[in-house]
Amino acid sequence: MKTIKKILDNLFQARPKKAFYLKVRCSDCGEEVRVRINRASDFQVEYSPHNPEHRYTIKREIIGKDCFNLMGLTLALKKDMKVLYVDAKGCEFIEFCRE
């Protein structure tokens, strides 16, 4: 009985999300692009005594499906995955989704 309970507890335990999504809009053509962000490979951990809220940085270069303009995006996130600031080049940042 304990074994079954242990298995069920492990199955329904809250785990951190492995992927997030962000949306950007191209400054030239207006195409909206949805980009998958992998927590294991795209998140850079930041340790700064000058800004203790800044925990993660995400840097991505994005190209749309129909538009081939290069878009650059840098996000700074807090520990609870809320956006601190955005640096967008060639695009407009729309949202950061935790789906």
N, C-alpha and C. Protein backbone atom coordinates (compact mmCIF):
# COMPACT_ATOMS: atom_id res chain seq x y z
N MET A 1 0.82 -1.20 0.00
CA MET A 1 0.00 0.00 0.00
C MET A 1 0.87 1.27 0.00
N LYS A 2 1.95 1.24 0.76
CA LYS A 2 2.84 2.40 0.80
C LYS A 2 3.49 2.65 -0.55
N THR A 3 3.79 1.57 -1.26
CA THR A 3 4.42 1.70 -2.57
C THR A 3 3.48 2.39 -3.56
N ILE A 4 2.21 2.02 -3.55
CA ILE A 4 1.23 2.63 -4.45
C ILE A 4 1.06 4.10 -4.12
N LYS A 5 1.01 4.42 -2.84
CA LYS A 5 0.87 5.81 -2.42
C LYS A 5 2.09 6.63 -2.86
N LYS A 6 3.28 6.05 -2.74
CA LYS A 6 4.50 6.74 -3.12
C LYS A 6 4.52 7.01 -4.63
N ILE A 7 4.06 6.04 -5.42
CA ILE A 7 4.01 6.20 -6.88
C ILE A 7 3.01 7.30 -7.25
N LEU A 8 1.84 7.28 -6.64
CA LEU A 8 0.83 8.30 -6.93
C LEU A 8 1.30 9.69 -6.50
N ASP A 9 1.96 9.79 -5.38
CA ASP A 9 2.49 11.08 -4.93
C ASP A 9 3.51 11.63 -5.92
N ASN A 10 4.36 10.76 -6.45
CA ASN A 10 5.36 11.20 -7.42
C ASN A 10 4.72 11.63 -8.74
N LEU A 11 3.64 10.97 -9.15
CA LEU A 11 2.98 11.31 -10.39
C LEU A 11 2.28 12.67 -10.33
N PHE A 12 1.66 12.97 -9.20
CA PHE A 12 0.86 14.19 -9.10
C PHE A 12 1.57 15.32 -8.38
N GLN A 13 2.83 15.17 -8.14
CA GLN A 13 3.60 16.21 -7.49
C GLN A 13 3.81 17.39 -8.45
N ALA A 14 3.72 18.60 -7.92
CA ALA A 14 3.91 19.79 -8.76
C ALA A 14 5.38 19.90 -9.16
N ARG A 15 5.62 19.88 -10.46
CA ARG A 15 6.98 19.98 -10.99
C ARG A 15 7.12 21.30 -11.73
N PRO A 16 8.32 21.86 -11.74
CA PRO A 16 8.51 23.10 -12.50
C PRO A 16 8.33 22.86 -13.99
N LYS A 17 7.81 23.86 -14.67
CA LYS A 17 7.60 23.74 -16.11
C LYS A 17 8.93 23.62 -16.85
N LYS A 18 8.94 22.79 -17.89
CA LYS A 18 10.16 22.58 -18.67
C LYS A 18 10.26 23.56 -19.82
N ALA A 19 9.13 24.14 -20.24
CA ALA A 19 9.16 25.05 -21.38
C ALA A 19 8.19 26.21 -21.16
N PHE A 20 8.55 27.34 -21.73
CA PHE A 20 7.73 28.53 -21.71
C PHE A 20 7.61 29.02 -23.14
N TYR A 21 6.73 29.99 -23.37
CA TYR A 21 6.55 30.55 -24.70
C TYR A 21 6.56 32.06 -24.62
N LEU A 22 7.04 32.68 -25.68
CA LEU A 22 6.95 34.13 -25.77
C LEU A 22 6.47 34.50 -27.16
N LYS A 23 5.86 35.67 -27.25
CA LYS A 23 5.36 36.17 -28.53
C LYS A 23 6.00 37.50 -28.83
N VAL A 24 6.40 37.66 -30.09
CA VAL A 24 6.94 38.92 -30.58
C VAL A 24 6.27 39.27 -31.90
N ARG A 25 6.32 40.56 -32.25
CA ARG A 25 5.78 41.03 -33.52
C ARG A 25 6.89 41.73 -34.28
N CYS A 26 7.09 41.35 -35.53
CA CYS A 26 8.12 41.94 -36.38
C CYS A 26 7.82 43.42 -36.60
N SER A 27 8.84 44.25 -36.46
CA SER A 27 8.68 45.70 -36.66
C SER A 27 8.43 46.06 -38.11
N ASP A 28 8.93 45.27 -39.05
CA ASP A 28 8.78 45.59 -40.48
C ASP A 28 7.44 45.13 -41.05
N CYS A 29 7.10 43.86 -40.87
CA CYS A 29 5.91 43.32 -41.54
C CYS A 29 4.72 43.09 -40.60
N GLY A 30 4.95 43.05 -39.30
CA GLY A 30 3.85 42.86 -38.34
C GLY A 30 3.52 41.40 -38.04
N GLU A 31 4.31 40.47 -38.57
CA GLU A 31 4.06 39.05 -38.30
C GLU A 31 4.28 38.74 -36.83
N GLU A 32 3.34 38.01 -36.21
CA GLU A 32 3.49 37.57 -34.82
C GLU A 32 4.13 36.19 -34.82
N VAL A 33 5.14 36.03 -33.99
CA VAL A 33 5.88 34.77 -33.92
C VAL A 33 5.84 34.27 -32.49
N ARG A 34 5.49 33.00 -32.33
CA ARG A 34 5.48 32.35 -31.02
C ARG A 34 6.74 31.49 -30.93
N VAL A 35 7.52 31.68 -29.85
CA VAL A 35 8.81 31.01 -29.70
C VAL A 35 8.79 30.17 -28.43
N ARG A 36 9.26 28.94 -28.53
CA ARG A 36 9.37 28.05 -27.37
C ARG A 36 10.71 28.31 -26.69
N ILE A 37 10.66 28.45 -25.36
CA ILE A 37 11.84 28.66 -24.54
C ILE A 37 12.02 27.45 -23.65
N ASN A 38 13.12 26.74 -23.81
CA ASN A 38 13.42 25.55 -23.02
C ASN A 38 14.12 25.97 -21.73
N ARG A 39 13.57 25.57 -20.60
CA ARG A 39 14.13 25.97 -19.32
C ARG A 39 15.54 25.41 -19.11
N ALA A 40 15.82 24.24 -19.62
CA ALA A 40 17.12 23.59 -19.40
C ALA A 40 18.25 24.24 -20.21
N SER A 41 17.94 24.76 -21.40
CA SER A 41 19.02 25.25 -22.25
C SER A 41 18.99 26.75 -22.54
N ASP A 42 17.84 27.40 -22.44
CA ASP A 42 17.73 28.81 -22.82
C ASP A 42 17.84 29.77 -21.64
N PHE A 43 17.66 29.31 -20.43
CA PHE A 43 17.74 30.17 -19.26
C PHE A 43 19.19 30.31 -18.82
N GLN A 44 19.63 31.54 -18.61
CA GLN A 44 20.95 31.81 -18.05
C GLN A 44 20.73 32.34 -16.63
N VAL A 45 21.34 31.72 -15.66
CA VAL A 45 21.19 32.14 -14.27
C VAL A 45 22.10 33.33 -14.01
N GLU A 46 21.55 34.35 -13.37
CA GLU A 46 22.30 35.58 -13.06
C GLU A 46 22.43 35.75 -11.56
N TYR A 47 23.62 36.09 -11.11
CA TYR A 47 23.86 36.41 -9.70
C TYR A 47 24.51 37.78 -9.65
N SER A 48 23.72 38.79 -9.33
CA SER A 48 24.23 40.15 -9.29
C SER A 48 23.91 40.79 -7.93
N PRO A 49 24.93 41.21 -7.19
CA PRO A 49 24.65 41.88 -5.92
C PRO A 49 24.03 43.27 -6.13
N HIS A 50 24.19 43.85 -7.33
CA HIS A 50 23.64 45.17 -7.61
C HIS A 50 22.14 45.13 -7.89
N ASN A 51 21.65 44.01 -8.42
CA ASN A 51 20.24 43.84 -8.70
C ASN A 51 19.81 42.45 -8.26
N PRO A 52 19.47 42.27 -6.97
CA PRO A 52 19.15 40.92 -6.46
C PRO A 52 17.86 40.33 -7.02
N GLU A 53 16.97 41.15 -7.58
CA GLU A 53 15.73 40.62 -8.17
C GLU A 53 15.99 39.90 -9.49
N HIS A 54 17.02 40.31 -10.23
CA HIS A 54 17.33 39.73 -11.53
C HIS A 54 17.91 38.33 -11.33
N ARG A 55 17.13 37.30 -11.74
CA ARG A 55 17.54 35.93 -11.51
C ARG A 55 17.91 35.19 -12.80
N TYR A 56 17.13 35.40 -13.88
CA TYR A 56 17.37 34.68 -15.13
C TYR A 56 17.43 35.65 -16.30
N THR A 57 18.21 35.29 -17.33
CA THR A 57 18.26 36.04 -18.57
C THR A 57 18.00 35.07 -19.72
N ILE A 58 17.19 35.52 -20.67
CA ILE A 58 16.91 34.75 -21.88
C ILE A 58 17.32 35.62 -23.07
N LYS A 59 18.17 35.08 -23.93
CA LYS A 59 18.58 35.79 -25.15
C LYS A 59 18.23 34.90 -26.34
N ARG A 60 17.46 35.47 -27.28
CA ARG A 60 17.06 34.70 -28.46
C ARG A 60 17.14 35.55 -29.71
N GLU A 61 17.49 34.91 -30.80
CA GLU A 61 17.39 35.50 -32.13
C GLU A 61 16.27 34.75 -32.83
N ILE A 62 15.37 35.49 -33.45
CA ILE A 62 14.12 34.91 -33.97
C ILE A 62 13.96 35.29 -35.43
N ILE A 63 13.49 34.32 -36.22
CA ILE A 63 13.11 34.57 -37.61
C ILE A 63 11.71 33.97 -37.79
N GLY A 64 10.81 34.73 -38.41
CA GLY A 64 9.44 34.28 -38.61
C GLY A 64 9.30 33.26 -39.72
N LYS A 65 8.07 32.80 -39.94
CA LYS A 65 7.80 31.83 -41.01
C LYS A 65 7.71 32.51 -42.37
N ASP A 66 7.04 33.66 -42.44
CA ASP A 66 6.86 34.35 -43.71
C ASP A 66 7.85 35.50 -43.89
N CYS A 67 8.30 36.08 -42.80
CA CYS A 67 9.21 37.22 -42.82
C CYS A 67 10.60 36.74 -42.40
N PHE A 68 11.62 37.12 -43.13
CA PHE A 68 12.96 36.63 -42.83
C PHE A 68 13.85 37.70 -42.20
N ASN A 69 13.24 38.70 -41.58
CA ASN A 69 14.01 39.70 -40.84
C ASN A 69 14.46 39.10 -39.51
N LEU A 70 15.71 39.35 -39.15
CA LEU A 70 16.24 38.84 -37.89
C LEU A 70 15.78 39.73 -36.75
N MET A 71 15.18 39.10 -35.73
CA MET A 71 14.71 39.81 -34.54
C MET A 71 15.53 39.33 -33.35
N GLY A 72 15.91 40.24 -32.50
CA GLY A 72 16.68 39.89 -31.30
C GLY A 72 15.90 40.25 -30.05
N LEU A 73 15.94 39.39 -29.04
CA LEU A 73 15.19 39.63 -27.81
C LEU A 73 16.02 39.20 -26.61
N THR A 74 16.07 40.06 -25.61
CA THR A 74 16.71 39.74 -24.33
C THR A 74 15.70 40.03 -23.24
N LEU A 75 15.42 39.04 -22.41
CA LEU A 75 14.49 39.18 -21.28
C LEU A 75 15.25 39.00 -19.98
N ALA A 76 14.92 39.80 -18.99
CA ALA A 76 15.42 39.61 -17.63
C ALA A 76 14.22 39.22 -16.77
N LEU A 77 14.35 38.12 -16.05
CA LEU A 77 13.25 37.59 -15.25
C LEU A 77 13.58 37.55 -13.77
N LYS A 78 12.53 37.66 -12.96
CA LYS A 78 12.66 37.48 -11.52
C LYS A 78 12.63 35.98 -11.20
N LYS A 79 12.79 35.66 -9.93
CA LYS A 79 12.76 34.25 -9.51
C LYS A 79 11.40 33.61 -9.78
N ASP A 80 10.32 34.39 -9.68
CA ASP A 80 8.98 33.86 -9.91
C ASP A 80 8.54 33.97 -11.37
N MET A 81 9.51 34.16 -12.29
CA MET A 81 9.32 34.20 -13.74
C MET A 81 8.54 35.42 -14.23
N LYS A 82 8.54 36.50 -13.47
CA LYS A 82 7.94 37.74 -13.94
C LYS A 82 9.02 38.56 -14.65
N VAL A 83 8.62 39.26 -15.69
CA VAL A 83 9.56 40.00 -16.53
C VAL A 83 9.99 41.29 -15.83
N LEU A 84 11.31 41.48 -15.70
CA LEU A 84 11.87 42.71 -15.15
C LEU A 84 12.03 43.75 -16.25
N TYR A 85 12.70 43.38 -17.33
CA TYR A 85 12.85 44.30 -18.46
C TYR A 85 13.06 43.52 -19.75
N VAL A 86 12.82 44.21 -20.85
CA VAL A 86 12.90 43.62 -22.18
C VAL A 86 13.77 44.52 -23.06
N ASP A 87 14.64 43.90 -23.83
CA ASP A 87 15.42 44.61 -24.84
C ASP A 87 15.12 43.93 -26.18
N ALA A 88 14.33 44.59 -27.02
CA ALA A 88 13.92 44.00 -28.30
C ALA A 88 14.52 44.79 -29.45
N LYS A 89 15.07 44.06 -30.42
CA LYS A 89 15.66 44.68 -31.62
C LYS A 89 14.97 44.11 -32.85
N GLY A 90 14.36 44.97 -33.63
CA GLY A 90 13.69 44.53 -34.85
C GLY A 90 12.33 43.92 -34.60
N CYS A 91 11.85 44.01 -33.36
CA CYS A 91 10.54 43.43 -33.03
C CYS A 91 9.95 44.14 -31.82
N GLU A 92 8.70 43.82 -31.58
CA GLU A 92 7.98 44.33 -30.42
C GLU A 92 7.62 43.13 -29.54
N PHE A 93 7.97 43.17 -28.28
CA PHE A 93 7.65 42.10 -27.34
C PHE A 93 6.16 42.16 -27.01
N ILE A 94 5.46 41.03 -27.11
CA ILE A 94 4.02 40.98 -26.82
C ILE A 94 3.77 40.38 -25.44
N GLU A 95 4.22 39.12 -25.23
CA GLU A 95 3.96 38.49 -23.94
C GLU A 95 4.91 37.32 -23.68
N PHE A 96 5.02 36.98 -22.40
CA PHE A 96 5.77 35.81 -21.94
C PHE A 96 4.77 34.90 -21.28
N CYS A 97 4.53 33.72 -21.85
CA CYS A 97 3.49 32.80 -21.38
C CYS A 97 4.09 31.64 -20.62
N ARG A 98 3.42 31.24 -19.55
CA ARG A 98 3.86 30.07 -18.78
C ARG A 98 2.87 28.94 -18.98
N GLU A 99 2.59 28.58 -20.20
CA GLU A 99 1.63 27.51 -20.52
C GLU A 99 2.21 26.15 -20.27
